[in-house]
Amino acid sequence: MPANIVFINIDWKEGRMHNTLSTNMSKLKDMIKGVVKKMQPTMICMCEVGEAGRPLSMRQMQQVADEVSRTWKAAATEHIQLCSMFEKGAPYMTVYIKGCIECSKHRILRDLYNT
């Protein structure tokens, strides 16, 4: 079964979780809605979900994951079950349709290529 994997740099900084949270969540929802309707993804891989030097807390990461999942489900044309993966302190998040793809370990690959 083919899978449509979409990579997005959401540029979400920790400071956006405070004074401008509702505005930035609204922008995030609009972006996810557009991606789901136009690209019909199986998986969305996001980077810059926080910064390496100033990561989001687990609660903040879960808040972003929940909003992405709610928006994706609302924009989808069929009933889907979504899963999300992220690690505390890492600026990456993956949200995917369960069953089409199974992810078992979320990790950052280091030293993938050696010279």
Protein backbone atom coordinates (compact mmCIF):
# COMPACT_ATOMS: atom_id res chain seq x y z
CA MET A 1 0.00 0.00 0.00
CA PRO A 2 1.50 3.39 -0.95
CA ALA A 3 2.09 5.97 1.76
CA ASN A 4 2.14 9.72 1.29
CA ILE A 5 4.65 11.16 3.78
CA VAL A 6 4.73 14.93 4.18
CA PHE A 7 7.62 16.78 5.83
CA ILE A 8 6.89 20.20 7.33
CA ASN A 9 9.09 22.71 9.14
CA ILE A 10 6.52 24.31 11.45
CA ASP A 11 8.99 26.77 13.09
CA TRP A 12 7.23 26.53 16.47
CA LYS A 13 9.22 28.23 19.21
CA GLU A 14 8.66 27.81 22.95
CA GLY A 15 7.70 31.49 23.26
CA ARG A 16 4.67 30.89 21.03
CA MET A 17 3.14 28.72 23.74
CA HIS A 18 2.43 31.71 25.98
CA ASN A 19 1.21 35.16 24.88
CA THR A 20 0.30 34.21 21.30
CA LEU A 21 -0.82 30.60 21.80
CA SER A 22 -4.32 30.94 20.33
CA THR A 23 -3.09 32.83 17.25
CA ASN A 24 -0.31 30.34 16.58
CA MET A 25 -2.55 27.32 17.20
CA SER A 26 -4.99 28.78 14.69
CA LYS A 27 -2.21 29.12 12.10
CA LEU A 28 -1.04 25.57 12.83
CA LYS A 29 -4.59 24.24 12.38
CA ASP A 30 -5.01 26.07 9.06
CA MET A 31 -1.73 24.64 7.79
CA ILE A 32 -2.57 21.06 8.85
CA LYS A 33 -6.07 21.36 7.37
CA GLY A 34 -4.60 22.48 4.03
CA VAL A 35 -2.01 19.70 3.99
CA VAL A 36 -4.63 17.04 4.77
CA LYS A 37 -7.08 18.26 2.14
CA LYS A 38 -4.52 18.83 -0.63
CA MET A 39 -1.98 16.09 0.00
CA GLN A 40 -3.95 13.34 1.78
CA PRO A 41 -0.97 12.27 3.89
CA THR A 42 -0.44 8.96 5.60
CA MET A 43 2.21 10.52 7.82
CA ILE A 44 3.18 14.08 8.70
CA CYS A 45 6.74 14.55 9.95
CA MET A 46 7.36 17.93 11.55
CA CYS A 47 10.60 19.60 12.54
CA GLU A 48 11.25 22.74 14.58
CA VAL A 49 8.55 21.75 17.04
CA GLY A 50 10.44 23.81 19.57
CA GLU A 51 14.15 24.50 19.42
CA ALA A 52 17.05 22.22 20.31
CA GLY A 53 18.34 24.84 22.76
CA ARG A 54 14.90 25.66 24.21
CA PRO A 55 12.73 22.57 23.80
CA LEU A 56 9.02 22.46 24.50
CA SER A 57 7.91 20.68 27.66
CA MET A 58 6.16 17.30 27.41
CA ARG A 59 2.86 19.04 28.15
CA GLN A 60 3.45 21.55 25.35
CA MET A 61 4.50 18.83 22.90
CA GLN A 62 1.35 16.87 23.76
CA GLN A 63 -0.74 20.00 23.25
CA VAL A 64 0.68 20.43 19.73
CA ALA A 65 0.21 16.71 18.96
CA ASP A 66 -3.41 16.79 20.18
CA GLU A 67 -4.22 19.85 18.07
CA VAL A 68 -2.63 18.36 14.96
CA SER A 69 -4.59 15.11 15.48
CA ARG A 70 -7.91 16.90 16.06
CA THR A 71 -7.43 19.07 12.99
CA TRP A 72 -6.36 16.15 10.80
CA LYS A 73 -9.37 14.06 11.84
CA ALA A 74 -11.75 16.97 11.21
CA ALA A 75 -10.30 17.59 7.73
CA ALA A 76 -10.14 13.92 6.68
CA THR A 77 -12.79 12.48 4.40
CA GLU A 78 -12.84 9.10 6.17
CA HIS A 79 -12.65 7.86 9.73
CA ILE A 80 -9.00 7.45 10.77
CA GLN A 81 -7.11 6.57 13.92
CA LEU A 82 -3.98 8.66 14.44
CA CYS A 83 -0.86 8.08 16.51
CA SER A 84 1.83 10.59 17.39
CA MET A 85 5.45 10.23 18.38
CA PHE A 86 7.85 12.72 19.92
CA GLU A 87 10.55 12.89 22.57
CA LYS A 88 11.05 15.44 25.30
CA GLY A 89 13.88 17.76 24.35
CA ALA A 90 13.82 16.89 20.63
CA PRO A 91 12.25 19.33 18.13
CA TYR A 92 10.60 16.63 15.98
CA MET A 93 7.09 15.20 15.91
CA THR A 94 5.48 12.53 13.76
CA VAL A 95 1.73 12.03 13.40
CA TYR A 96 0.50 9.13 11.28
CA ILE A 97 -2.52 7.01 10.39
CA LYS A 98 -2.42 3.86 12.48
CA GLY A 99 -2.53 0.67 10.45
CA CYS A 100 -1.16 2.13 7.22
CA ILE A 101 2.21 2.71 8.87
CA GLU A 102 3.52 1.42 12.16
CA CYS A 103 6.28 3.32 13.92
CA SER A 104 8.01 1.58 16.78
CA LYS A 105 10.84 3.85 17.86
CA HIS A 106 11.20 7.59 17.49
CA ARG A 107 14.86 8.54 17.38
CA ILE A 108 17.29 10.89 15.72
CA LEU A 109 19.82 9.12 13.52
CA ARG A 110 23.36 10.26 14.14
CA ASP A 111 26.47 9.52 12.08
CA LEU A 112 24.37 8.04 9.30
CA TYR A 113 27.19 8.56 6.82
CA ASN A 114 30.84 8.02 7.70
CA THR A 115 33.61 9.34 5.46
